[in-house]
């Protein structure tokens, strides 16, 4: 019986590994890479909340869609609305500043070195409390998150809240509440 279970598991793992292209639209990189400090994967900065860049460090294109790692450097207090990712788990690792995170109905004050894990379908919102903040954030699987940040960055100054809601929905997310209040 154990042999059958092993063979079944090995077969399924092999099928999934070879079908990454069909599942996520691309295959994993065959060669590793190094990014120097201040650099990003594709020489592009997506800007949020004014002049706050989100830099892709490891792309879903590198991982067969399994993982995206980005770095956010915030130059303004605040954050996105309370939202859910039905298809991704998310992890934040705080590099600098003070941040408030809401997970469901709980709130956490986080500082440098702290980590927060957010399972898919969990209402959550980060908010930067300090004048400057920085964190790494991870999505697994990658989904449409890289394109989400590009779309937000492209929003015009006269965009409406309906425009933002549509961007969230187009990238498999749902807004479920307002941003956290920051003083």
N, C-alpha and C. Protein backbone atom coordinates (compact mmCIF):
# COMPACT_ATOMS: atom_id res chain seq x y z
N UNK A 1 0.82 -1.20 0.00
CA UNK A 1 0.00 0.00 0.00
C UNK A 1 0.87 1.27 0.00
N UNK A 2 1.95 1.28 0.79
CA UNK A 2 2.83 2.44 0.83
C UNK A 2 3.47 2.68 -0.54
N UNK A 3 3.84 1.61 -1.22
CA UNK A 3 4.46 1.74 -2.54
C UNK A 3 3.49 2.41 -3.51
N UNK A 4 2.22 2.01 -3.48
CA UNK A 4 1.21 2.60 -4.35
C UNK A 4 1.07 4.09 -4.06
N UNK A 5 1.02 4.45 -2.78
CA UNK A 5 0.89 5.86 -2.39
C UNK A 5 2.11 6.65 -2.87
N UNK A 6 3.31 6.08 -2.71
CA UNK A 6 4.53 6.73 -3.17
C UNK A 6 4.50 6.94 -4.68
N UNK A 7 4.15 5.91 -5.42
CA UNK A 7 4.12 6.01 -6.88
C UNK A 7 3.08 7.03 -7.35
N UNK A 8 1.93 7.04 -6.70
CA UNK A 8 0.89 8.02 -7.05
C UNK A 8 1.38 9.43 -6.79
N UNK A 9 1.98 9.65 -5.61
CA UNK A 9 2.49 10.97 -5.26
C UNK A 9 3.58 11.41 -6.23
N UNK A 10 4.52 10.51 -6.53
CA UNK A 10 5.61 10.84 -7.45
C UNK A 10 5.07 11.17 -8.84
N UNK A 11 4.08 10.44 -9.30
CA UNK A 11 3.48 10.68 -10.62
C UNK A 11 2.80 12.04 -10.66
N UNK A 12 1.99 12.34 -9.65
CA UNK A 12 1.30 13.63 -9.60
C UNK A 12 2.30 14.77 -9.52
N UNK A 13 3.35 14.63 -8.70
CA UNK A 13 4.37 15.67 -8.59
C UNK A 13 5.05 15.90 -9.93
N UNK A 14 5.35 14.83 -10.65
CA UNK A 14 5.97 14.96 -11.96
C UNK A 14 5.08 15.67 -12.96
N UNK A 15 3.81 15.33 -12.95
CA UNK A 15 2.86 15.98 -13.86
C UNK A 15 2.76 17.46 -13.55
N UNK A 16 2.64 17.80 -12.27
CA UNK A 16 2.55 19.21 -11.89
C UNK A 16 3.82 19.97 -12.25
N UNK A 17 4.96 19.37 -12.01
CA UNK A 17 6.22 20.04 -12.32
C UNK A 17 6.36 20.31 -13.81
N UNK A 18 5.95 19.37 -14.64
CA UNK A 18 6.09 19.55 -16.08
C UNK A 18 4.97 20.38 -16.68
N UNK A 19 3.91 20.63 -15.92
CA UNK A 19 2.80 21.40 -16.47
C UNK A 19 2.76 22.82 -15.94
N UNK A 20 3.85 23.30 -15.32
CA UNK A 20 3.86 24.67 -14.81
C UNK A 20 3.54 25.67 -15.91
N UNK A 21 4.07 25.43 -17.11
CA UNK A 21 3.80 26.36 -18.21
C UNK A 21 2.31 26.45 -18.50
N UNK A 22 1.63 25.34 -18.52
CA UNK A 22 0.20 25.39 -18.83
C UNK A 22 -0.61 25.94 -17.67
N UNK A 23 -0.16 25.73 -16.44
CA UNK A 23 -0.89 26.25 -15.28
C UNK A 23 -0.73 27.75 -15.12
N UNK A 24 0.51 28.24 -15.28
CA UNK A 24 0.80 29.63 -14.98
C UNK A 24 1.20 30.45 -16.20
N UNK A 25 1.35 29.83 -17.35
CA UNK A 25 1.66 30.57 -18.56
C UNK A 25 3.15 30.70 -18.83
N UNK A 26 4.01 30.18 -17.98
CA UNK A 26 5.45 30.23 -18.20
C UNK A 26 6.13 29.18 -17.35
N UNK A 27 7.36 28.88 -17.72
CA UNK A 27 8.12 27.87 -16.98
C UNK A 27 9.13 28.56 -16.08
N UNK A 28 9.69 27.82 -15.16
CA UNK A 28 10.67 28.36 -14.23
C UNK A 28 11.99 28.61 -14.94
N UNK A 29 12.75 29.57 -14.40
CA UNK A 29 14.07 29.88 -14.94
C UNK A 29 14.99 28.67 -14.78
N UNK A 30 15.89 28.52 -15.70
CA UNK A 30 16.86 27.43 -15.65
C UNK A 30 18.18 27.88 -15.00
N UNK A 31 18.39 29.19 -14.92
CA UNK A 31 19.64 29.74 -14.39
C UNK A 31 19.29 30.75 -13.30
N UNK A 32 20.00 30.68 -12.18
CA UNK A 32 19.79 31.63 -11.09
C UNK A 32 20.33 33.01 -11.45
N UNK A 33 20.12 33.98 -10.57
CA UNK A 33 20.58 35.34 -10.81
C UNK A 33 20.83 36.04 -9.48
N UNK A 34 21.50 37.16 -9.55
CA UNK A 34 21.77 38.01 -8.39
C UNK A 34 21.28 39.40 -8.71
N UNK A 35 20.59 40.02 -7.78
CA UNK A 35 20.21 41.43 -7.92
C UNK A 35 20.97 42.21 -6.86
N UNK A 36 21.64 43.26 -7.25
CA UNK A 36 22.35 44.11 -6.32
C UNK A 36 21.36 45.05 -5.62
N UNK A 37 21.78 45.57 -4.49
CA UNK A 37 20.95 46.49 -3.70
C UNK A 37 20.45 47.63 -4.60
N UNK A 38 19.17 47.92 -4.47
CA UNK A 38 18.57 49.01 -5.24
C UNK A 38 18.12 48.62 -6.64
N UNK A 39 18.39 47.40 -7.05
CA UNK A 39 18.01 46.94 -8.39
C UNK A 39 16.74 46.10 -8.30
N UNK A 40 16.10 45.93 -9.46
CA UNK A 40 14.90 45.11 -9.52
C UNK A 40 14.98 44.21 -10.74
N UNK A 41 14.08 43.27 -10.80
CA UNK A 41 14.20 42.19 -11.78
C UNK A 41 14.16 42.65 -13.23
N UNK A 42 13.32 43.59 -13.56
CA UNK A 42 13.14 43.95 -14.97
C UNK A 42 13.41 45.44 -15.23
N UNK A 43 14.21 46.06 -14.38
CA UNK A 43 14.54 47.48 -14.52
C UNK A 43 13.30 48.36 -14.63
N UNK A 44 12.30 48.05 -13.82
CA UNK A 44 11.08 48.85 -13.80
C UNK A 44 10.68 49.11 -12.36
N UNK A 45 10.26 50.33 -12.09
CA UNK A 45 9.71 50.68 -10.78
C UNK A 45 8.22 50.91 -10.98
N UNK A 46 7.40 50.28 -10.17
CA UNK A 46 5.99 50.64 -10.14
C UNK A 46 5.82 51.51 -8.90
N UNK A 47 5.18 52.64 -9.06
CA UNK A 47 5.07 53.62 -7.98
C UNK A 47 3.67 53.60 -7.38
N UNK A 48 3.62 53.52 -6.06
CA UNK A 48 2.36 53.56 -5.32
C UNK A 48 2.38 54.71 -4.34
N UNK A 49 1.21 55.16 -3.93
CA UNK A 49 1.06 56.22 -2.93
C UNK A 49 2.12 57.29 -3.15
N UNK A 50 2.02 57.97 -4.27
CA UNK A 50 3.00 59.01 -4.57
C UNK A 50 4.26 58.42 -5.14
N UNK A 51 5.35 58.57 -4.41
CA UNK A 51 6.65 58.10 -4.89
C UNK A 51 7.16 56.90 -4.11
N UNK A 52 6.34 55.92 -3.90
CA UNK A 52 6.72 54.73 -3.14
C UNK A 52 6.85 53.54 -4.09
N UNK A 53 8.10 53.14 -4.42
CA UNK A 53 8.29 52.08 -5.40
C UNK A 53 8.02 50.68 -4.87
N UNK A 54 7.50 49.85 -5.75
CA UNK A 54 7.43 48.40 -5.55
C UNK A 54 8.36 47.80 -6.59
N UNK A 55 9.40 47.14 -6.13
CA UNK A 55 10.39 46.53 -7.02
C UNK A 55 10.30 45.02 -6.96
N UNK A 56 10.10 44.40 -8.11
CA UNK A 56 10.08 42.94 -8.19
C UNK A 56 11.51 42.44 -8.03
N UNK A 57 11.71 41.55 -7.08
CA UNK A 57 13.02 40.95 -6.84
C UNK A 57 13.10 39.55 -7.45
N UNK A 58 12.04 38.77 -7.28
CA UNK A 58 11.92 37.45 -7.90
C UNK A 58 10.53 37.40 -8.53
N UNK A 59 10.48 37.14 -9.82
CA UNK A 59 9.23 37.17 -10.56
C UNK A 59 8.60 35.78 -10.67
N UNK A 60 7.30 35.78 -10.86
CA UNK A 60 6.62 34.53 -11.19
C UNK A 60 7.19 33.91 -12.46
N UNK A 61 7.75 34.74 -13.33
CA UNK A 61 8.38 34.23 -14.55
C UNK A 61 9.64 33.43 -14.22
N UNK A 62 10.23 33.71 -13.06
CA UNK A 62 11.42 32.97 -12.62
C UNK A 62 11.07 31.65 -11.95
N UNK A 63 9.86 31.57 -11.40
CA UNK A 63 9.50 30.44 -10.53
C UNK A 63 8.38 29.57 -11.10
N UNK A 64 8.10 29.72 -12.37
CA UNK A 64 7.00 28.95 -12.95
C UNK A 64 5.67 29.34 -12.35
N UNK A 65 5.56 30.58 -11.87
CA UNK A 65 4.31 31.07 -11.29
C UNK A 65 4.12 30.71 -9.83
N UNK A 66 5.10 30.07 -9.23
CA UNK A 66 4.95 29.61 -7.85
C UNK A 66 5.11 30.71 -6.81
N UNK A 67 5.90 31.75 -7.12
CA UNK A 67 6.26 32.74 -6.11
C UNK A 67 6.65 34.05 -6.75
N UNK A 68 6.23 35.16 -6.14
CA UNK A 68 6.73 36.49 -6.47
C UNK A 68 7.22 37.13 -5.19
N UNK A 69 8.40 37.73 -5.24
CA UNK A 69 8.94 38.49 -4.10
C UNK A 69 9.18 39.91 -4.57
N UNK A 70 8.62 40.87 -3.83
CA UNK A 70 8.80 42.29 -4.16
C UNK A 70 9.25 43.04 -2.92
N UNK A 71 9.85 44.21 -3.15
CA UNK A 71 10.26 45.09 -2.07
C UNK A 71 9.50 46.40 -2.21
N UNK A 72 8.88 46.82 -1.12
CA UNK A 72 8.15 48.09 -1.09
C UNK A 72 8.93 49.06 -0.22
N UNK A 73 9.16 50.26 -0.74
CA UNK A 73 9.76 51.34 0.03
C UNK A 73 8.74 52.46 0.10
N UNK A 74 8.21 52.69 1.30
CA UNK A 74 7.15 53.67 1.47
C UNK A 74 7.66 55.02 1.94
N UNK A 75 7.23 56.07 1.26
CA UNK A 75 7.59 57.43 1.63
C UNK A 75 6.36 58.22 2.07
N UNK A 76 5.28 57.51 2.36
CA UNK A 76 4.04 58.15 2.82
C UNK A 76 3.33 57.20 3.78
N UNK A 77 2.70 57.77 4.79
CA UNK A 77 1.92 56.96 5.72
C UNK A 77 0.67 56.44 5.02
N UNK A 78 0.16 55.31 5.52
CA UNK A 78 -1.08 54.76 4.97
C UNK A 78 -0.86 53.43 4.30
N UNK A 79 -1.90 52.99 3.59
CA UNK A 79 -1.83 51.70 2.91
C UNK A 79 -3.10 51.43 2.12
N UNK A 80 -3.20 50.24 1.57
CA UNK A 80 -4.35 49.88 0.73
C UNK A 80 -5.59 49.59 1.56
N UNK A 81 -6.73 49.47 0.91
CA UNK A 81 -7.95 49.10 1.63
C UNK A 81 -7.88 47.65 2.12
N UNK A 82 -8.75 47.34 3.06
CA UNK A 82 -8.90 45.96 3.53
C UNK A 82 -9.34 45.12 2.34
N UNK A 83 -8.65 44.02 2.08
CA UNK A 83 -8.92 43.22 0.90
C UNK A 83 -8.59 41.76 1.14
N UNK A 84 -8.99 40.92 0.20
CA UNK A 84 -8.66 39.50 0.26
C UNK A 84 -8.04 39.06 -1.07
N UNK A 85 -7.20 38.04 -0.96
CA UNK A 85 -6.65 37.33 -2.12
C UNK A 85 -7.22 35.92 -2.06
N UNK A 86 -8.21 35.60 -2.87
CA UNK A 86 -8.76 34.24 -2.83
C UNK A 86 -7.79 33.17 -3.32
N UNK A 87 -6.78 33.57 -4.10
CA UNK A 87 -5.92 32.59 -4.74
C UNK A 87 -4.47 32.59 -4.25
N UNK A 88 -4.09 33.54 -3.38
CA UNK A 88 -2.71 33.61 -2.92
C UNK A 88 -2.60 33.69 -1.41
N UNK A 89 -1.53 33.07 -0.89
CA UNK A 89 -1.07 33.35 0.46
C UNK A 89 -0.08 34.50 0.32
N UNK A 90 0.08 35.28 1.40
CA UNK A 90 0.97 36.43 1.36
C UNK A 90 1.79 36.49 2.64
N UNK A 91 3.04 36.89 2.50
CA UNK A 91 3.94 37.04 3.64
C UNK A 91 4.60 38.41 3.53
N UNK A 92 4.70 39.11 4.65
CA UNK A 92 5.42 40.37 4.74
C UNK A 92 6.57 40.21 5.72
N UNK A 93 7.74 40.74 5.37
CA UNK A 93 8.89 40.78 6.27
C UNK A 93 9.32 42.23 6.38
N UNK A 94 9.21 42.79 7.58
CA UNK A 94 9.46 44.22 7.78
C UNK A 94 10.96 44.50 7.83
N UNK A 95 11.42 45.41 6.97
CA UNK A 95 12.82 45.80 6.92
C UNK A 95 13.08 47.11 7.64
N UNK A 96 12.08 48.00 7.65
CA UNK A 96 12.29 49.33 8.22
C UNK A 96 10.95 49.96 8.55
N UNK A 97 10.92 50.79 9.59
CA UNK A 97 9.73 51.55 9.93
C UNK A 97 8.78 50.80 10.84
N UNK A 98 7.64 51.46 11.08
CA UNK A 98 6.57 50.89 11.90
C UNK A 98 5.34 50.71 11.03
N UNK A 99 4.68 49.57 11.21
CA UNK A 99 3.55 49.22 10.37
C UNK A 99 2.44 48.61 11.22
N UNK A 100 1.22 48.89 10.83
CA UNK A 100 0.05 48.28 11.45
C UNK A 100 -0.55 47.32 10.42
N UNK A 101 -0.83 46.11 10.85
CA UNK A 101 -1.44 45.12 9.96
C UNK A 101 -2.74 44.65 10.57
N UNK A 102 -3.77 44.59 9.75
CA UNK A 102 -5.02 43.97 10.16
C UNK A 102 -5.13 42.63 9.45
N UNK A 103 -5.43 41.59 10.24
CA UNK A 103 -5.68 40.24 9.73
C UNK A 103 -7.01 39.81 10.30
N UNK A 104 -8.03 39.73 9.45
CA UNK A 104 -9.36 39.44 9.96
C UNK A 104 -9.79 40.56 10.90
N UNK A 105 -10.14 40.22 12.14
CA UNK A 105 -10.55 41.25 13.10
C UNK A 105 -9.44 41.59 14.09
N UNK A 106 -8.21 41.10 13.84
CA UNK A 106 -7.08 41.38 14.73
C UNK A 106 -6.13 42.38 14.10
N UNK A 107 -5.49 43.21 14.95
CA UNK A 107 -4.50 44.16 14.47
C UNK A 107 -3.17 43.92 15.18
N UNK A 108 -2.08 44.12 14.43
CA UNK A 108 -0.74 43.88 14.94
C UNK A 108 0.16 45.06 14.59
N UNK A 109 0.95 45.51 15.55
CA UNK A 109 1.94 46.57 15.34
C UNK A 109 3.28 45.87 15.06
N UNK A 110 3.86 46.12 13.89
CA UNK A 110 5.08 45.43 13.48
C UNK A 110 6.23 46.40 13.24
N UNK A 111 7.43 45.92 13.54
CA UNK A 111 8.66 46.70 13.34
C UNK A 111 9.70 45.83 12.65
N UNK A 112 10.87 46.41 12.43
CA UNK A 112 11.96 45.73 11.74
C UNK A 112 12.19 44.32 12.28
N UNK A 113 12.26 43.36 11.36
CA UNK A 113 12.51 41.97 11.72
C UNK A 113 11.26 41.14 11.93
N UNK A 114 10.10 41.79 12.00
CA UNK A 114 8.84 41.06 12.21
C UNK A 114 8.32 40.50 10.88
N UNK A 115 7.60 39.40 10.99
CA UNK A 115 7.02 38.72 9.82
C UNK A 115 5.54 38.49 10.06
N UNK A 116 4.75 38.64 9.03
CA UNK A 116 3.32 38.31 9.11
C UNK A 116 2.97 37.40 7.94
N UNK A 117 2.25 36.32 8.24
CA UNK A 117 1.75 35.39 7.23
C UNK A 117 0.25 35.57 7.11
N UNK A 118 -0.24 35.70 5.88
CA UNK A 118 -1.66 35.92 5.62
C UNK A 118 -2.16 34.82 4.69
N UNK A 119 -2.94 33.87 5.22
CA UNK A 119 -3.49 32.83 4.36
C UNK A 119 -4.50 33.41 3.37
N UNK A 120 -4.64 32.78 2.22
CA UNK A 120 -5.62 33.24 1.23
C UNK A 120 -7.00 33.34 1.88
N UNK A 121 -7.81 34.22 1.35
CA UNK A 121 -9.18 34.49 1.82
C UNK A 121 -9.24 35.16 3.19
N UNK A 122 -8.12 35.68 3.69
CA UNK A 122 -8.11 36.39 4.97
C UNK A 122 -8.19 37.89 4.69
N UNK A 123 -9.23 38.58 5.18
CA UNK A 123 -9.26 40.03 5.02
C UNK A 123 -8.04 40.64 5.71
N UNK A 124 -7.32 41.50 5.00
CA UNK A 124 -6.12 42.09 5.57
C UNK A 124 -5.82 43.45 4.94
N UNK A 125 -5.04 44.24 5.69
CA UNK A 125 -4.58 45.53 5.19
C UNK A 125 -3.34 45.92 5.97
N UNK A 126 -2.27 46.29 5.27
CA UNK A 126 -1.11 46.88 5.93
C UNK A 126 -1.24 48.40 5.92
N UNK A 127 -0.66 49.05 6.91
CA UNK A 127 -0.60 50.51 6.91
C UNK A 127 0.74 50.94 7.49
N UNK A 128 1.43 51.79 6.77
CA UNK A 128 2.71 52.33 7.25
C UNK A 128 2.41 53.45 8.23
N UNK A 129 3.01 53.37 9.43
CA UNK A 129 2.78 54.37 10.46
C UNK A 129 3.89 55.41 10.51
N UNK A 130 5.09 55.05 10.10
CA UNK A 130 6.24 55.95 10.14
C UNK A 130 6.35 56.71 8.82
N UNK A 131 7.18 57.76 8.83
CA UNK A 131 7.37 58.57 7.62
C UNK A 131 7.99 57.74 6.48
N UNK A 132 8.86 56.80 6.84
CA UNK A 132 9.46 55.91 5.84
C UNK A 132 9.32 54.48 6.33
N UNK A 133 9.07 53.58 5.41
CA UNK A 133 8.97 52.17 5.75
C UNK A 133 9.44 51.32 4.58
N UNK A 134 9.78 50.09 4.90
CA UNK A 134 10.24 49.19 3.84
C UNK A 134 9.92 47.76 4.28
N UNK A 135 9.45 46.97 3.31
CA UNK A 135 9.25 45.55 3.59
C UNK A 135 9.38 44.73 2.31
N UNK A 136 9.68 43.46 2.52
CA UNK A 136 9.59 42.48 1.45
C UNK A 136 8.23 41.83 1.55
N UNK A 137 7.60 41.57 0.42
CA UNK A 137 6.36 40.82 0.46
C UNK A 137 6.37 39.75 -0.62
N UNK A 138 5.76 38.63 -0.26
CA UNK A 138 5.82 37.40 -1.04
C UNK A 138 4.39 36.96 -1.36
N UNK A 139 4.14 36.58 -2.59
CA UNK A 139 2.86 35.99 -2.99
C UNK A 139 3.12 34.59 -3.50
N UNK A 140 2.31 33.64 -3.03
CA UNK A 140 2.41 32.28 -3.54
C UNK A 140 1.02 31.69 -3.70
N UNK A 141 0.65 31.27 -4.90
CA UNK A 141 1.39 31.46 -6.14
C UNK A 141 1.37 32.93 -6.57
N UNK A 142 2.12 33.22 -7.62
CA UNK A 142 2.26 34.61 -8.08
C UNK A 142 0.94 35.20 -8.55
N UNK A 143 0.17 34.42 -9.27
CA UNK A 143 -1.09 34.93 -9.80
C UNK A 143 -0.87 36.15 -10.68
N UNK A 144 -1.74 37.13 -10.52
CA UNK A 144 -1.70 38.35 -11.34
C UNK A 144 -1.11 39.53 -10.57
N UNK A 145 -0.37 39.25 -9.48
CA UNK A 145 0.05 40.33 -8.60
C UNK A 145 1.04 41.30 -9.24
N UNK A 146 1.96 40.82 -10.04
CA UNK A 146 2.91 41.73 -10.68
C UNK A 146 2.17 42.71 -11.59
N UNK A 147 1.22 42.20 -12.36
CA UNK A 147 0.43 43.07 -13.24
C UNK A 147 -0.48 44.00 -12.44
N UNK A 148 -0.93 43.56 -11.28
CA UNK A 148 -1.75 44.41 -10.40
C UNK A 148 -0.98 45.67 -10.03
N UNK A 149 0.27 45.53 -9.60
CA UNK A 149 1.04 46.71 -9.21
C UNK A 149 1.35 47.60 -10.40
N UNK A 150 1.56 47.01 -11.56
CA UNK A 150 1.75 47.82 -12.77
C UNK A 150 0.48 48.63 -13.09
N UNK A 151 -0.68 47.99 -12.96
CA UNK A 151 -1.95 48.67 -13.24
C UNK A 151 -2.21 49.79 -12.24
N UNK A 152 -1.94 49.55 -10.96
CA UNK A 152 -2.12 50.61 -9.95
C UNK A 152 -1.19 51.78 -10.23
N UNK A 153 0.03 51.47 -10.61
CA UNK A 153 1.01 52.51 -10.89
C UNK A 153 0.58 53.37 -12.08
N UNK A 154 -0.15 52.78 -13.01
CA UNK A 154 -0.59 53.50 -14.22
C UNK A 154 -1.86 54.32 -14.00
N UNK A 155 -2.49 54.19 -12.82
CA UNK A 155 -3.71 54.96 -12.56
C UNK A 155 -3.44 56.46 -12.68
N UNK A 156 -4.33 57.16 -13.31
CA UNK A 156 -4.22 58.61 -13.45
C UNK A 156 -4.61 59.29 -12.13
N UNK A 157 -4.14 60.50 -11.93
CA UNK A 157 -4.44 61.23 -10.69
C UNK A 157 -5.94 61.46 -10.51
N UNK A 158 -6.70 61.53 -11.60
CA UNK A 158 -8.14 61.77 -11.50
C UNK A 158 -8.95 60.47 -11.47
N UNK A 159 -8.28 59.34 -11.21
CA UNK A 159 -8.98 58.05 -11.16
C UNK A 159 -9.97 58.03 -10.00
N UNK A 160 -11.04 57.30 -10.18
CA UNK A 160 -12.08 57.20 -9.15
C UNK A 160 -11.86 55.94 -8.31
N UNK A 161 -12.58 55.86 -7.21
CA UNK A 161 -12.50 54.65 -6.39
C UNK A 161 -13.03 53.44 -7.18
N UNK A 162 -13.97 53.68 -8.08
CA UNK A 162 -14.47 52.59 -8.93
C UNK A 162 -13.36 52.04 -9.83
N UNK A 163 -12.47 52.94 -10.29
CA UNK A 163 -11.32 52.49 -11.10
C UNK A 163 -10.42 51.56 -10.29
N UNK A 164 -10.17 51.93 -9.04
CA UNK A 164 -9.33 51.10 -8.17
C UNK A 164 -10.00 49.76 -7.87
N UNK A 165 -11.30 49.78 -7.60
CA UNK A 165 -12.04 48.54 -7.34
C UNK A 165 -11.92 47.60 -8.54
N UNK A 166 -12.05 48.15 -9.74
CA UNK A 166 -11.95 47.34 -10.95
C UNK A 166 -10.56 46.72 -11.09
N UNK A 167 -9.53 47.48 -10.77
CA UNK A 167 -8.16 46.93 -10.85
C UNK A 167 -8.01 45.77 -9.88
N UNK A 168 -8.52 45.93 -8.66
CA UNK A 168 -8.47 44.83 -7.69
C UNK A 168 -9.19 43.60 -8.26
N UNK A 169 -10.41 43.80 -8.75
CA UNK A 169 -11.20 42.68 -9.27
C UNK A 169 -10.55 42.02 -10.48
N UNK A 170 -9.98 42.84 -11.37
CA UNK A 170 -9.33 42.30 -12.57
C UNK A 170 -8.11 41.44 -12.24
N UNK A 171 -7.59 41.60 -11.02
CA UNK A 171 -6.40 40.87 -10.61
C UNK A 171 -6.70 39.89 -9.47
N UNK A 172 -7.94 39.41 -9.47
CA UNK A 172 -8.37 38.34 -8.56
C UNK A 172 -8.30 38.71 -7.08
N UNK A 173 -8.66 39.94 -6.76
CA UNK A 173 -8.75 40.38 -5.37
C UNK A 173 -10.08 41.07 -5.16
N UNK A 174 -10.45 41.20 -3.90
CA UNK A 174 -11.71 41.86 -3.58
C UNK A 174 -11.49 42.82 -2.41
N UNK A 175 -11.92 44.06 -2.58
CA UNK A 175 -11.88 45.04 -1.49
C UNK A 175 -13.07 44.75 -0.58
N UNK A 176 -12.79 44.64 0.73
CA UNK A 176 -13.84 44.31 1.69
C UNK A 176 -13.97 45.35 2.80
N UNK A 177 -13.22 46.44 2.71
CA UNK A 177 -13.30 47.49 3.72
C UNK A 177 -12.35 48.62 3.39
N UNK A 178 -12.39 49.68 4.20
CA UNK A 178 -11.53 50.85 3.96
C UNK A 178 -10.09 50.59 4.42
N UNK A 179 -9.19 51.49 4.04
CA UNK A 179 -7.82 51.41 4.57
C UNK A 179 -7.83 51.62 6.09
N UNK A 180 -6.78 51.18 6.74
CA UNK A 180 -6.64 51.41 8.17
C UNK A 180 -6.41 52.90 8.42
N UNK A 181 -6.95 53.40 9.51
CA UNK A 181 -6.77 54.80 9.88
C UNK A 181 -5.36 55.00 10.42
N UNK A 182 -4.67 56.01 9.89
CA UNK A 182 -3.30 56.32 10.30
C UNK A 182 -3.26 57.77 10.74
N UNK A 183 -2.67 58.00 11.91
CA UNK A 183 -2.57 59.38 12.43
C UNK A 183 -1.19 59.92 12.27
